[in-house]
Amino acid sequence: MQNENQLSFKSSMVIIPAIFVGVIWAVYWFEIQFGFNFNKYGVFPCTLKGLRGVFFMHFIHGDTKHLFNNSIPLLVLLNAVLYFYREIALKVVIYGALLTGFFTWIIARESYHIGASGIVYLLFSFVFFSGILRKHYRLIALSLMVIFLYGSMIWYVLPIEEGMSWEGHLSGFLVGLFFAFFYKNRGIVKEEFQFSASEIDSFFDEGGNLIENPDEN
């Protein structure tokens, strides 16, 4: 019953994803409209100046295709996390985004790394592994749905496509896995069955034998 009470709709579950996606589109529009290029504010590995990208990389995109490919998964996965994991959702998103950027800064090639795909991989990994670890039927169903929709993304944590920040994808994926373990006992979890005695149980002893005169006990 406690789990069921946590699954109620709130307007913030729609508003927060919409605001985030709206912001990254607004940043891209500003670049195009006024001729700016914010790529230099992305993560540039192992340099002090490049560390600022930990905060900015998720808001910067190289082109419309890049931006669109991140927008739909962001809306879907952010909604899922805010609905099913509301108690820890903002911590996962905010801390996870920063850690994803930081690990990208540590492991990536010498290039500017931009885009919100690290957050997409963070959320994908967190939702999938959380459902498996918690063993709650609704969360498992959500995990399977996420795999069905975005399972092919897993290949892009490997360096299989030129010009794509697989390091950012890998960082997000590993951070999501870490948070799935770290928060596995927070929020909705599988409830252990608890036996509660009923009136009919008074007619049987501990061995399951019928008591002929239950009122005498």
N, C-alpha and C. Protein backbone atom coordinates (compact mmCIF):
# COMPACT_ATOMS: atom_id res chain seq x y z
N MET A 1 0.82 -1.20 0.00
CA MET A 1 0.00 0.00 0.00
C MET A 1 0.86 1.26 0.00
N GLN A 2 1.99 1.18 0.75
CA GLN A 2 2.90 2.34 0.79
C GLN A 2 3.45 2.64 -0.60
N ASN A 3 3.77 1.57 -1.35
CA ASN A 3 4.26 1.76 -2.71
C ASN A 3 3.22 2.41 -3.60
N GLU A 4 1.97 1.98 -3.46
CA GLU A 4 0.91 2.51 -4.30
C GLU A 4 0.70 4.00 -4.06
N ASN A 5 0.89 4.43 -2.81
CA ASN A 5 0.69 5.84 -2.48
C ASN A 5 1.74 6.73 -3.14
N GLN A 6 2.88 6.14 -3.51
CA GLN A 6 3.95 6.93 -4.13
C GLN A 6 3.71 7.13 -5.62
N LEU A 7 2.79 6.38 -6.19
CA LEU A 7 2.53 6.46 -7.62
C LEU A 7 1.31 7.31 -7.90
N SER A 8 1.45 8.58 -7.71
CA SER A 8 0.37 9.52 -8.02
C SER A 8 0.93 10.62 -8.89
N PHE A 9 0.11 11.10 -9.80
CA PHE A 9 0.57 12.08 -10.78
C PHE A 9 0.66 13.47 -10.16
N LYS A 10 1.73 14.18 -10.53
CA LYS A 10 1.90 15.58 -10.16
C LYS A 10 2.33 16.36 -11.40
N SER A 11 1.89 17.59 -11.48
CA SER A 11 2.18 18.40 -12.67
C SER A 11 3.68 18.60 -12.89
N SER A 12 4.46 18.56 -11.81
CA SER A 12 5.91 18.76 -11.93
C SER A 12 6.55 17.68 -12.78
N MET A 13 5.91 16.51 -12.87
CA MET A 13 6.46 15.41 -13.66
C MET A 13 6.47 15.73 -15.15
N VAL A 14 5.61 16.62 -15.55
CA VAL A 14 5.56 17.07 -16.94
C VAL A 14 6.31 18.39 -17.10
N ILE A 15 6.17 19.26 -16.12
CA ILE A 15 6.75 20.60 -16.21
C ILE A 15 8.28 20.57 -16.22
N ILE A 16 8.88 19.79 -15.31
CA ILE A 16 10.34 19.76 -15.20
C ILE A 16 11.00 19.26 -16.49
N PRO A 17 10.57 18.11 -17.05
CA PRO A 17 11.17 17.69 -18.33
C PRO A 17 10.96 18.70 -19.45
N ALA A 18 9.77 19.30 -19.49
CA ALA A 18 9.48 20.28 -20.54
C ALA A 18 10.38 21.51 -20.42
N ILE A 19 10.61 21.96 -19.18
CA ILE A 19 11.48 23.12 -18.97
C ILE A 19 12.91 22.79 -19.39
N PHE A 20 13.41 21.63 -19.00
CA PHE A 20 14.79 21.26 -19.33
C PHE A 20 14.98 21.17 -20.84
N VAL A 21 14.07 20.49 -21.52
CA VAL A 21 14.18 20.37 -22.97
C VAL A 21 13.99 21.73 -23.62
N GLY A 22 13.09 22.55 -23.09
CA GLY A 22 12.90 23.90 -23.61
C GLY A 22 14.15 24.74 -23.49
N VAL A 23 14.87 24.60 -22.39
CA VAL A 23 16.10 25.36 -22.17
C VAL A 23 17.17 24.98 -23.19
N ILE A 24 17.36 23.67 -23.44
CA ILE A 24 18.41 23.29 -24.38
C ILE A 24 18.06 23.70 -25.81
N TRP A 25 16.77 23.72 -26.13
CA TRP A 25 16.37 24.25 -27.45
C TRP A 25 16.58 25.76 -27.51
N ALA A 26 16.31 26.45 -26.41
CA ALA A 26 16.51 27.91 -26.38
C ALA A 26 17.98 28.26 -26.53
N VAL A 27 18.86 27.48 -25.90
CA VAL A 27 20.30 27.71 -26.03
C VAL A 27 20.73 27.54 -27.49
N TYR A 28 20.24 26.49 -28.12
CA TYR A 28 20.60 26.24 -29.52
C TYR A 28 20.05 27.34 -30.43
N TRP A 29 18.82 27.76 -30.17
CA TRP A 29 18.23 28.85 -30.96
C TRP A 29 19.05 30.13 -30.81
N PHE A 30 19.50 30.41 -29.61
CA PHE A 30 20.30 31.61 -29.35
C PHE A 30 21.61 31.56 -30.14
N GLU A 31 22.22 30.38 -30.17
CA GLU A 31 23.45 30.22 -30.95
C GLU A 31 23.22 30.53 -32.43
N ILE A 32 22.17 29.94 -32.99
CA ILE A 32 21.88 30.10 -34.41
C ILE A 32 21.46 31.54 -34.73
N GLN A 33 20.61 32.08 -33.87
CA GLN A 33 20.04 33.41 -34.11
C GLN A 33 21.10 34.51 -34.08
N PHE A 34 22.05 34.38 -33.16
CA PHE A 34 23.01 35.46 -32.96
C PHE A 34 24.44 35.07 -33.35
N GLY A 35 24.58 33.91 -33.99
CA GLY A 35 25.88 33.54 -34.54
C GLY A 35 26.93 33.14 -33.53
N PHE A 36 26.52 32.62 -32.40
CA PHE A 36 27.48 32.16 -31.39
C PHE A 36 27.80 30.68 -31.59
N ASN A 37 28.90 30.27 -31.01
CA ASN A 37 29.26 28.86 -30.96
C ASN A 37 29.71 28.54 -29.54
N PHE A 38 28.88 27.80 -28.83
CA PHE A 38 29.15 27.52 -27.42
C PHE A 38 29.94 26.23 -27.20
N ASN A 39 30.40 25.62 -28.29
CA ASN A 39 31.11 24.34 -28.14
C ASN A 39 32.29 24.43 -27.19
N LYS A 40 32.93 25.58 -27.15
CA LYS A 40 34.11 25.75 -26.29
C LYS A 40 33.75 25.71 -24.81
N TYR A 41 32.45 25.76 -24.50
CA TYR A 41 32.02 25.64 -23.10
C TYR A 41 31.68 24.19 -22.73
N GLY A 42 31.94 23.28 -23.67
CA GLY A 42 31.78 21.87 -23.35
C GLY A 42 32.95 21.35 -22.54
N VAL A 43 32.92 20.08 -22.26
CA VAL A 43 34.01 19.44 -21.52
C VAL A 43 35.22 19.27 -22.43
N PHE A 44 36.36 19.80 -21.99
CA PHE A 44 37.63 19.50 -22.66
C PHE A 44 38.49 18.78 -21.63
N PRO A 45 38.78 17.51 -21.87
CA PRO A 45 39.36 16.64 -20.83
C PRO A 45 40.69 17.12 -20.26
N CYS A 46 40.79 16.93 -18.95
CA CYS A 46 42.04 17.07 -18.21
C CYS A 46 42.67 18.46 -18.29
N THR A 47 41.85 19.48 -18.51
CA THR A 47 42.32 20.86 -18.43
C THR A 47 41.42 21.62 -17.46
N LEU A 48 42.01 22.56 -16.77
CA LEU A 48 41.23 23.31 -15.79
C LEU A 48 40.11 24.08 -16.45
N LYS A 49 40.41 24.69 -17.60
CA LYS A 49 39.38 25.44 -18.32
C LYS A 49 38.28 24.52 -18.83
N GLY A 50 38.66 23.34 -19.26
CA GLY A 50 37.69 22.38 -19.78
C GLY A 50 36.77 21.82 -18.72
N LEU A 51 37.12 22.03 -17.44
CA LEU A 51 36.30 21.52 -16.34
C LEU A 51 34.96 22.25 -16.25
N ARG A 52 34.88 23.46 -16.80
CA ARG A 52 33.61 24.20 -16.76
C ARG A 52 32.52 23.48 -17.55
N GLY A 53 32.95 22.64 -18.48
CA GLY A 53 31.99 21.88 -19.27
C GLY A 53 31.18 20.89 -18.46
N VAL A 54 31.68 20.53 -17.28
CA VAL A 54 30.92 19.66 -16.38
C VAL A 54 29.55 20.26 -16.10
N PHE A 55 29.48 21.58 -16.03
CA PHE A 55 28.23 22.28 -15.74
C PHE A 55 27.45 22.65 -17.00
N PHE A 56 28.16 22.86 -18.13
CA PHE A 56 27.51 23.42 -19.30
C PHE A 56 27.27 22.44 -20.45
N MET A 57 28.01 21.33 -20.48
CA MET A 57 27.99 20.46 -21.66
C MET A 57 26.60 19.95 -22.02
N HIS A 58 25.76 19.71 -21.02
CA HIS A 58 24.45 19.10 -21.27
C HIS A 58 23.47 20.06 -21.96
N PHE A 59 23.79 21.33 -21.97
CA PHE A 59 22.90 22.34 -22.57
C PHE A 59 23.33 22.73 -23.98
N ILE A 60 24.44 22.18 -24.47
CA ILE A 60 25.01 22.59 -25.76
C ILE A 60 24.93 21.44 -26.76
N HIS A 61 24.49 21.76 -27.99
CA HIS A 61 24.37 20.73 -29.02
C HIS A 61 24.94 21.23 -30.33
N GLY A 62 25.47 20.28 -31.10
CA GLY A 62 26.16 20.65 -32.32
C GLY A 62 25.26 21.00 -33.49
N ASP A 63 24.11 20.32 -33.60
CA ASP A 63 23.19 20.60 -34.70
C ASP A 63 21.79 20.16 -34.31
N THR A 64 20.85 20.41 -35.21
CA THR A 64 19.44 20.11 -34.92
C THR A 64 19.21 18.61 -34.73
N LYS A 65 19.87 17.78 -35.52
CA LYS A 65 19.72 16.33 -35.39
C LYS A 65 20.18 15.86 -34.02
N HIS A 66 21.32 16.37 -33.60
CA HIS A 66 21.87 16.03 -32.28
C HIS A 66 20.87 16.42 -31.18
N LEU A 67 20.32 17.59 -31.31
CA LEU A 67 19.39 18.10 -30.31
C LEU A 67 18.08 17.30 -30.31
N PHE A 68 17.55 17.02 -31.48
CA PHE A 68 16.29 16.28 -31.57
C PHE A 68 16.45 14.86 -31.05
N ASN A 69 17.58 14.21 -31.37
CA ASN A 69 17.80 12.84 -30.93
C ASN A 69 17.88 12.72 -29.41
N ASN A 70 18.25 13.81 -28.74
CA ASN A 70 18.29 13.80 -27.28
C ASN A 70 16.97 14.22 -26.64
N SER A 71 16.20 15.03 -27.34
CA SER A 71 15.01 15.64 -26.74
C SER A 71 13.93 14.63 -26.38
N ILE A 72 13.59 13.73 -27.30
CA ILE A 72 12.52 12.77 -27.06
C ILE A 72 12.88 11.80 -25.93
N PRO A 73 14.06 11.18 -25.96
CA PRO A 73 14.43 10.31 -24.83
C PRO A 73 14.47 11.06 -23.50
N LEU A 74 14.90 12.31 -23.52
CA LEU A 74 14.93 13.09 -22.28
C LEU A 74 13.52 13.26 -21.71
N LEU A 75 12.57 13.60 -22.56
CA LEU A 75 11.19 13.77 -22.10
C LEU A 75 10.64 12.47 -21.53
N VAL A 76 10.86 11.37 -22.24
CA VAL A 76 10.32 10.08 -21.81
C VAL A 76 10.97 9.62 -20.51
N LEU A 77 12.29 9.64 -20.46
CA LEU A 77 13.01 9.09 -19.30
C LEU A 77 12.90 9.99 -18.07
N LEU A 78 12.92 11.30 -18.27
CA LEU A 78 12.72 12.20 -17.13
C LEU A 78 11.33 12.02 -16.53
N ASN A 79 10.32 11.88 -17.38
CA ASN A 79 8.97 11.62 -16.88
C ASN A 79 8.92 10.32 -16.08
N ALA A 80 9.57 9.29 -16.59
CA ALA A 80 9.58 7.99 -15.91
C ALA A 80 10.25 8.08 -14.55
N VAL A 81 11.40 8.75 -14.50
CA VAL A 81 12.12 8.86 -13.22
C VAL A 81 11.33 9.70 -12.21
N LEU A 82 10.74 10.79 -12.67
CA LEU A 82 9.98 11.66 -11.76
C LEU A 82 8.71 10.98 -11.26
N TYR A 83 8.14 10.07 -12.04
CA TYR A 83 6.92 9.39 -11.62
C TYR A 83 7.22 8.20 -10.70
N PHE A 84 8.14 7.35 -11.11
CA PHE A 84 8.38 6.11 -10.38
C PHE A 84 9.44 6.25 -9.28
N TYR A 85 10.28 7.27 -9.37
CA TYR A 85 11.37 7.42 -8.39
C TYR A 85 11.39 8.85 -7.84
N ARG A 86 10.24 9.39 -7.55
CA ARG A 86 10.13 10.81 -7.22
C ARG A 86 10.97 11.20 -6.01
N GLU A 87 11.12 10.30 -5.04
CA GLU A 87 11.85 10.63 -3.81
C GLU A 87 13.31 10.96 -4.10
N ILE A 88 13.88 10.34 -5.11
CA ILE A 88 15.31 10.52 -5.40
C ILE A 88 15.57 11.09 -6.79
N ALA A 89 14.51 11.41 -7.52
CA ALA A 89 14.64 11.79 -8.93
C ALA A 89 15.59 12.97 -9.15
N LEU A 90 15.39 14.05 -8.40
CA LEU A 90 16.21 15.24 -8.62
C LEU A 90 17.67 15.00 -8.25
N LYS A 91 17.90 14.19 -7.22
CA LYS A 91 19.27 13.85 -6.84
C LYS A 91 19.95 13.07 -7.96
N VAL A 92 19.23 12.11 -8.51
CA VAL A 92 19.78 11.30 -9.60
C VAL A 92 20.11 12.18 -10.80
N VAL A 93 19.20 13.07 -11.16
CA VAL A 93 19.40 13.90 -12.35
C VAL A 93 20.52 14.92 -12.14
N ILE A 94 20.47 15.66 -11.04
CA ILE A 94 21.44 16.75 -10.82
C ILE A 94 22.83 16.20 -10.52
N TYR A 95 22.92 15.36 -9.49
CA TYR A 95 24.24 14.80 -9.15
C TYR A 95 24.76 13.91 -10.26
N GLY A 96 23.83 13.18 -10.90
CA GLY A 96 24.24 12.30 -11.99
C GLY A 96 24.79 13.07 -13.17
N ALA A 97 24.17 14.20 -13.50
CA ALA A 97 24.66 15.03 -14.61
C ALA A 97 26.06 15.56 -14.32
N LEU A 98 26.28 15.99 -13.09
CA LEU A 98 27.60 16.52 -12.73
C LEU A 98 28.66 15.43 -12.74
N LEU A 99 28.33 14.27 -12.21
CA LEU A 99 29.29 13.16 -12.20
C LEU A 99 29.58 12.67 -13.62
N THR A 100 28.54 12.65 -14.45
CA THR A 100 28.75 12.25 -15.85
C THR A 100 29.72 13.20 -16.54
N GLY A 101 29.51 14.49 -16.34
CA GLY A 101 30.42 15.47 -16.92
C GLY A 101 31.84 15.33 -16.38
N PHE A 102 31.94 15.06 -15.08
CA PHE A 102 33.27 14.95 -14.47
C PHE A 102 34.03 13.73 -14.97
N PHE A 103 33.35 12.59 -15.06
CA PHE A 103 34.01 11.39 -15.55
C PHE A 103 34.37 11.51 -17.03
N THR A 104 33.54 12.23 -17.78
CA THR A 104 33.88 12.52 -19.17
C THR A 104 35.16 13.35 -19.23
N TRP A 105 35.27 14.30 -18.36
CA TRP A 105 36.46 15.16 -18.28
C TRP A 105 37.71 14.32 -17.99
N ILE A 106 37.54 13.25 -17.22
CA ILE A 106 38.69 12.41 -16.84
C ILE A 106 39.11 11.46 -17.97
N ILE A 107 38.13 10.82 -18.62
CA ILE A 107 38.46 9.70 -19.51
C ILE A 107 38.43 10.03 -21.00
N ALA A 108 37.89 11.17 -21.38
CA ALA A 108 37.61 11.41 -22.80
C ALA A 108 38.85 11.82 -23.59
N ARG A 109 38.70 11.74 -24.91
CA ARG A 109 39.75 12.19 -25.83
C ARG A 109 39.87 13.71 -25.80
N GLU A 110 40.96 14.24 -26.35
CA GLU A 110 41.17 15.68 -26.39
C GLU A 110 40.28 16.29 -27.47
N SER A 111 39.11 16.68 -27.05
CA SER A 111 38.14 17.31 -27.94
C SER A 111 37.07 17.92 -27.06
N TYR A 112 36.26 18.80 -27.61
CA TYR A 112 35.14 19.35 -26.85
C TYR A 112 33.97 18.36 -26.88
N HIS A 113 33.48 18.02 -25.71
CA HIS A 113 32.38 17.05 -25.58
C HIS A 113 31.13 17.79 -25.11
N ILE A 114 30.08 17.72 -25.93
CA ILE A 114 28.86 18.46 -25.66
C ILE A 114 27.64 17.56 -25.82
N GLY A 115 26.50 18.03 -25.32
CA GLY A 115 25.25 17.33 -25.54
C GLY A 115 24.69 16.69 -24.28
N ALA A 116 23.38 16.51 -24.28
CA ALA A 116 22.67 15.93 -23.13
C ALA A 116 22.58 14.42 -23.21
N SER A 117 23.27 13.81 -24.17
CA SER A 117 23.17 12.36 -24.30
C SER A 117 23.75 11.65 -23.08
N GLY A 118 24.68 12.28 -22.38
CA GLY A 118 25.18 11.68 -21.14
C GLY A 118 24.07 11.50 -20.12
N ILE A 119 23.17 12.48 -20.05
CA ILE A 119 22.02 12.38 -19.13
C ILE A 119 21.05 11.31 -19.62
N VAL A 120 20.87 11.21 -20.94
CA VAL A 120 20.01 10.16 -21.49
C VAL A 120 20.51 8.79 -21.07
N TYR A 121 21.82 8.56 -21.18
CA TYR A 121 22.40 7.27 -20.79
C TYR A 121 22.34 7.08 -19.28
N LEU A 122 22.51 8.14 -18.53
CA LEU A 122 22.36 8.08 -17.08
C LEU A 122 20.97 7.59 -16.70
N LEU A 123 19.93 8.20 -17.27
CA LEU A 123 18.56 7.85 -16.95
C LEU A 123 18.20 6.46 -17.45
N PHE A 124 18.63 6.14 -18.66
CA PHE A 124 18.40 4.81 -19.23
C PHE A 124 18.96 3.73 -18.32
N SER A 125 20.20 3.89 -17.91
CA SER A 125 20.87 2.91 -17.06
C SER A 125 20.21 2.83 -15.68
N PHE A 126 19.92 3.98 -15.10
CA PHE A 126 19.30 4.00 -13.77
C PHE A 126 17.93 3.31 -13.78
N VAL A 127 17.08 3.65 -14.74
CA VAL A 127 15.74 3.07 -14.80
C VAL A 127 15.81 1.56 -15.03
N PHE A 128 16.66 1.14 -15.94
CA PHE A 128 16.75 -0.29 -16.24
C PHE A 128 17.23 -1.09 -15.03
N PHE A 129 18.36 -0.71 -14.48
CA PHE A 129 18.94 -1.49 -13.38
C PHE A 129 18.15 -1.35 -12.09
N SER A 130 17.52 -0.22 -11.86
CA SER A 130 16.70 -0.06 -10.66
C SER A 130 15.53 -1.03 -10.65
N GLY A 131 14.88 -1.20 -11.80
CA GLY A 131 13.78 -2.14 -11.89
C GLY A 131 14.22 -3.56 -11.60
N ILE A 132 15.38 -3.95 -12.11
CA ILE A 132 15.90 -5.30 -11.88
C ILE A 132 16.27 -5.50 -10.42
N LEU A 133 16.92 -4.51 -9.82
CA LEU A 133 17.39 -4.65 -8.45
C LEU A 133 16.26 -4.63 -7.43
N ARG A 134 15.24 -3.83 -7.67
CA ARG A 134 14.15 -3.67 -6.71
C ARG A 134 13.12 -4.79 -6.80
N LYS A 135 13.03 -5.42 -7.96
CA LYS A 135 12.16 -6.59 -8.18
C LYS A 135 10.68 -6.28 -7.97
N HIS A 136 10.31 -5.01 -8.12
CA HIS A 136 8.90 -4.65 -8.05
C HIS A 136 8.31 -4.80 -9.45
N TYR A 137 7.14 -5.40 -9.54
CA TYR A 137 6.61 -5.77 -10.85
C TYR A 137 6.44 -4.57 -11.79
N ARG A 138 6.04 -3.43 -11.25
CA ARG A 138 5.84 -2.27 -12.11
C ARG A 138 7.19 -1.71 -12.60
N LEU A 139 8.17 -1.74 -11.74
CA LEU A 139 9.49 -1.22 -12.12
C LEU A 139 10.18 -2.16 -13.10
N ILE A 140 9.96 -3.46 -12.95
CA ILE A 140 10.49 -4.42 -13.92
C ILE A 140 9.85 -4.19 -15.28
N ALA A 141 8.53 -3.97 -15.28
CA ALA A 141 7.83 -3.67 -16.53
C ALA A 141 8.39 -2.42 -17.19
N LEU A 142 8.70 -1.40 -16.37
CA LEU A 142 9.29 -0.17 -16.89
C LEU A 142 10.68 -0.45 -17.47
N SER A 143 11.47 -1.27 -16.80
CA SER A 143 12.79 -1.64 -17.30
C SER A 143 12.69 -2.30 -18.67
N LEU A 144 11.75 -3.22 -18.81
CA LEU A 144 11.58 -3.91 -20.09
C LEU A 144 11.12 -2.94 -21.19
N MET A 145 10.27 -1.99 -20.81
CA MET A 145 9.81 -1.00 -21.78
C MET A 145 10.97 -0.12 -22.26
N VAL A 146 11.82 0.26 -21.32
CA VAL A 146 12.98 1.09 -21.66
C VAL A 146 13.93 0.34 -22.58
N ILE A 147 14.14 -0.93 -22.31
CA ILE A 147 15.00 -1.75 -23.17
C ILE A 147 14.39 -1.86 -24.57
N PHE A 148 13.09 -2.04 -24.61
CA PHE A 148 12.41 -2.15 -25.91
C PHE A 148 12.56 -0.86 -26.72
N LEU A 149 12.42 0.29 -26.06
CA LEU A 149 12.48 1.57 -26.75
C LEU A 149 13.90 2.00 -27.10
N TYR A 150 14.82 1.80 -26.16
CA TYR A 150 16.15 2.40 -26.30
C TYR A 150 17.30 1.41 -26.13
N GLY A 151 17.00 0.11 -26.19
CA GLY A 151 18.04 -0.88 -25.97
C GLY A 151 19.21 -0.79 -26.93
N SER A 152 18.94 -0.36 -28.16
CA SER A 152 20.02 -0.27 -29.15
C SER A 152 21.05 0.79 -28.79
N MET A 153 20.72 1.67 -27.86
CA MET A 153 21.67 2.72 -27.45
C MET A 153 22.93 2.15 -26.82
N ILE A 154 22.81 0.94 -26.28
CA ILE A 154 23.92 0.38 -25.51
C ILE A 154 25.20 0.28 -26.34
N TRP A 155 25.06 0.13 -27.66
CA TRP A 155 26.24 -0.01 -28.51
C TRP A 155 27.05 1.28 -28.56
N TYR A 156 26.43 2.40 -28.28
CA TYR A 156 27.12 3.68 -28.41
C TYR A 156 27.91 4.09 -27.17
N VAL A 157 28.05 3.15 -26.22
CA VAL A 157 29.02 3.36 -25.14
C VAL A 157 30.39 2.87 -25.60
N LEU A 158 30.45 2.38 -26.83
CA LEU A 158 31.69 1.91 -27.43
C LEU A 158 32.08 2.85 -28.58
N PRO A 159 33.35 2.93 -28.90
CA PRO A 159 33.81 3.85 -29.97
C PRO A 159 33.53 3.29 -31.35
N ILE A 160 32.26 3.25 -31.73
CA ILE A 160 31.89 2.65 -33.02
C ILE A 160 31.50 3.69 -34.06
N GLU A 161 31.40 4.96 -33.67
CA GLU A 161 31.01 5.98 -34.64
C GLU A 161 31.88 7.22 -34.47
N GLU A 162 32.47 7.65 -35.53
CA GLU A 162 33.37 8.81 -35.51
C GLU A 162 32.58 10.08 -35.18
N GLY A 163 33.17 10.93 -34.34
CA GLY A 163 32.54 12.21 -34.02
C GLY A 163 31.52 12.14 -32.91
N MET A 164 31.30 10.96 -32.33
CA MET A 164 30.34 10.82 -31.24
C MET A 164 31.08 10.63 -29.92
N SER A 165 30.61 11.30 -28.88
CA SER A 165 31.27 11.21 -27.58
C SER A 165 30.82 9.95 -26.84
N TRP A 166 31.42 8.82 -27.23
CA TRP A 166 31.09 7.57 -26.54
C TRP A 166 31.54 7.63 -25.08
N GLU A 167 32.55 8.45 -24.79
CA GLU A 167 33.01 8.58 -23.40
C GLU A 167 31.92 9.19 -22.52
N GLY A 168 31.19 10.18 -23.07
CA GLY A 168 30.08 10.76 -22.33
C GLY A 168 28.96 9.77 -22.12
N HIS A 169 28.69 8.96 -23.15
CA HIS A 169 27.67 7.92 -23.04
C HIS A 169 28.06 6.90 -21.96
N LEU A 170 29.31 6.45 -22.02
CA LEU A 170 29.79 5.45 -21.06
C LEU A 170 29.76 6.01 -19.64
N SER A 171 30.17 7.27 -19.48
CA SER A 171 30.15 7.89 -18.15
C SER A 171 28.74 7.94 -17.59
N GLY A 172 27.78 8.38 -18.41
CA GLY A 172 26.40 8.43 -17.97
C GLY A 172 25.86 7.06 -17.61
N PHE A 173 26.19 6.06 -18.42
CA PHE A 173 25.72 4.70 -18.19
C PHE A 173 26.24 4.16 -16.85
N LEU A 174 27.53 4.37 -16.58
CA LEU A 174 28.12 3.86 -15.34
C LEU A 174 27.61 4.61 -14.12
N VAL A 175 27.40 5.91 -14.25
CA VAL A 175 26.85 6.69 -13.14
C VAL A 175 25.42 6.24 -12.84
N GLY A 176 24.63 5.99 -13.88
CA GLY A 176 23.27 5.48 -13.67
C GLY A 176 23.26 4.15 -12.97
N LEU A 177 24.18 3.26 -13.35
CA LEU A 177 24.31 1.96 -12.69
C LEU A 177 24.67 2.13 -11.22
N PHE A 178 25.60 3.04 -10.95
CA PHE A 178 25.99 3.30 -9.55
C PHE A 178 24.81 3.79 -8.73
N PHE A 179 24.05 4.74 -9.25
CA PHE A 179 22.91 5.27 -8.50
C PHE A 179 21.81 4.22 -8.32
N ALA A 180 21.67 3.31 -9.28
CA ALA A 180 20.69 2.24 -9.13
C ALA A 180 21.01 1.38 -7.91
N PHE A 181 22.29 1.09 -7.70
CA PHE A 181 22.70 0.33 -6.52
C PHE A 181 22.62 1.19 -5.26
N PHE A 182 23.08 2.43 -5.38
CA PHE A 182 23.17 3.31 -4.21
C PHE A 182 21.79 3.59 -3.61
N TYR A 183 20.77 3.75 -4.47
CA TYR A 183 19.43 4.11 -4.00
C TYR A 183 18.44 2.95 -4.07
N LYS A 184 18.93 1.73 -4.13
CA LYS A 184 18.04 0.59 -4.37
C LYS A 184 17.03 0.37 -3.26
N ASN A 185 17.29 0.90 -2.07
CA ASN A 185 16.34 0.74 -0.96
C ASN A 185 15.52 2.00 -0.68
N ARG A 186 15.59 2.96 -1.58
CA ARG A 186 14.83 4.20 -1.44
C ARG A 186 13.68 4.21 -2.43
N GLY A 187 12.50 4.64 -1.97
CA GLY A 187 11.35 4.72 -2.87
C GLY A 187 10.61 3.40 -2.95
N ILE A 188 10.15 3.07 -4.13
CA ILE A 188 9.35 1.86 -4.33
C ILE A 188 10.25 0.64 -4.32
N VAL A 189 9.94 -0.32 -3.47
CA VAL A 189 10.67 -1.58 -3.41
C VAL A 189 9.67 -2.72 -3.32
N LYS A 190 10.15 -3.92 -3.59
CA LYS A 190 9.29 -5.09 -3.48
C LYS A 190 8.93 -5.31 -2.02
N GLU A 191 7.65 -5.41 -1.73
CA GLU A 191 7.20 -5.60 -0.36
C GLU A 191 7.12 -7.08 -0.04
N GLU A 192 7.72 -7.45 1.10
CA GLU A 192 7.65 -8.84 1.54
C GLU A 192 6.24 -9.16 2.02
N PHE A 193 5.78 -10.37 1.68
CA PHE A 193 4.45 -10.79 2.11
C PHE A 193 4.43 -10.97 3.62
N GLN A 194 3.44 -10.38 4.26
CA GLN A 194 3.28 -10.51 5.71
C GLN A 194 1.95 -11.20 6.00
N PHE A 195 2.05 -12.33 6.72
CA PHE A 195 0.86 -13.09 7.04
C PHE A 195 0.11 -12.41 8.19
N SER A 196 -1.18 -12.26 8.02
CA SER A 196 -2.02 -11.72 9.10
C SER A 196 -3.12 -12.73 9.40
N ALA A 197 -3.23 -13.06 10.66
CA ALA A 197 -4.19 -14.08 11.08
C ALA A 197 -5.63 -13.60 10.87
N SER A 198 -6.48 -14.52 10.43
CA SER A 198 -7.90 -14.23 10.28
C SER A 198 -8.70 -15.06 11.28
N GLU A 199 -9.99 -14.85 11.32
CA GLU A 199 -10.85 -15.55 12.29
C GLU A 199 -10.83 -17.05 12.08
N ILE A 200 -10.72 -17.49 10.86
CA ILE A 200 -10.75 -18.92 10.58
C ILE A 200 -9.51 -19.65 11.09
N ASP A 201 -8.40 -18.89 11.28
CA ASP A 201 -7.17 -19.51 11.77
C ASP A 201 -7.30 -20.03 13.19
N SER A 202 -8.27 -19.53 13.94
CA SER A 202 -8.45 -19.98 15.32
C SER A 202 -8.96 -21.41 15.40
N PHE A 203 -9.43 -21.97 14.27
CA PHE A 203 -9.92 -23.34 14.24
C PHE A 203 -8.82 -24.36 13.98
N PHE A 204 -7.58 -23.89 13.80
CA PHE A 204 -6.47 -24.79 13.48
C PHE A 204 -5.30 -24.51 14.42
N ASP A 205 -4.55 -25.59 14.77
CA ASP A 205 -3.36 -25.41 15.59
C ASP A 205 -2.17 -25.09 14.69
N GLU A 206 -0.97 -24.97 15.30
CA GLU A 206 0.22 -24.59 14.55
C GLU A 206 0.62 -25.63 13.51
N GLY A 207 0.19 -26.89 13.72
CA GLY A 207 0.50 -27.94 12.76
C GLY A 207 -0.53 -28.06 11.66
N GLY A 208 -1.56 -27.19 11.68
CA GLY A 208 -2.58 -27.23 10.65
C GLY A 208 -3.70 -28.20 10.94
N ASN A 209 -3.74 -28.72 12.17
CA ASN A 209 -4.79 -29.68 12.55
C ASN A 209 -6.02 -28.95 13.07
N LEU A 210 -7.18 -29.50 12.74
CA LEU A 210 -8.43 -28.90 13.17
C LEU A 210 -8.61 -29.03 14.67
N ILE A 211 -8.97 -27.92 15.31
CA ILE A 211 -9.24 -27.92 16.75
C ILE A 211 -10.72 -28.14 16.94
N GLU A 212 -11.09 -29.19 17.65
CA GLU A 212 -12.53 -29.53 17.81
C GLU A 212 -13.29 -28.51 18.61
N ASN A 213 -12.66 -27.99 19.68
CA ASN A 213 -13.34 -26.99 20.51
C ASN A 213 -12.45 -25.76 20.63
N PRO A 214 -12.45 -24.93 19.62
CA PRO A 214 -11.52 -23.78 19.59
C PRO A 214 -11.77 -22.79 20.73
N ASP A 215 -12.99 -22.73 21.26
CA ASP A 215 -13.28 -21.76 22.31
C ASP A 215 -12.58 -22.09 23.60
N GLU A 216 -12.14 -23.36 23.78
CA GLU A 216 -11.50 -23.75 25.03
C GLU A 216 -10.05 -23.32 25.07
N ASN A 217 -9.49 -22.91 23.96
CA ASN A 217 -8.06 -22.51 23.92
C ASN A 217 -7.88 -21.02 24.11
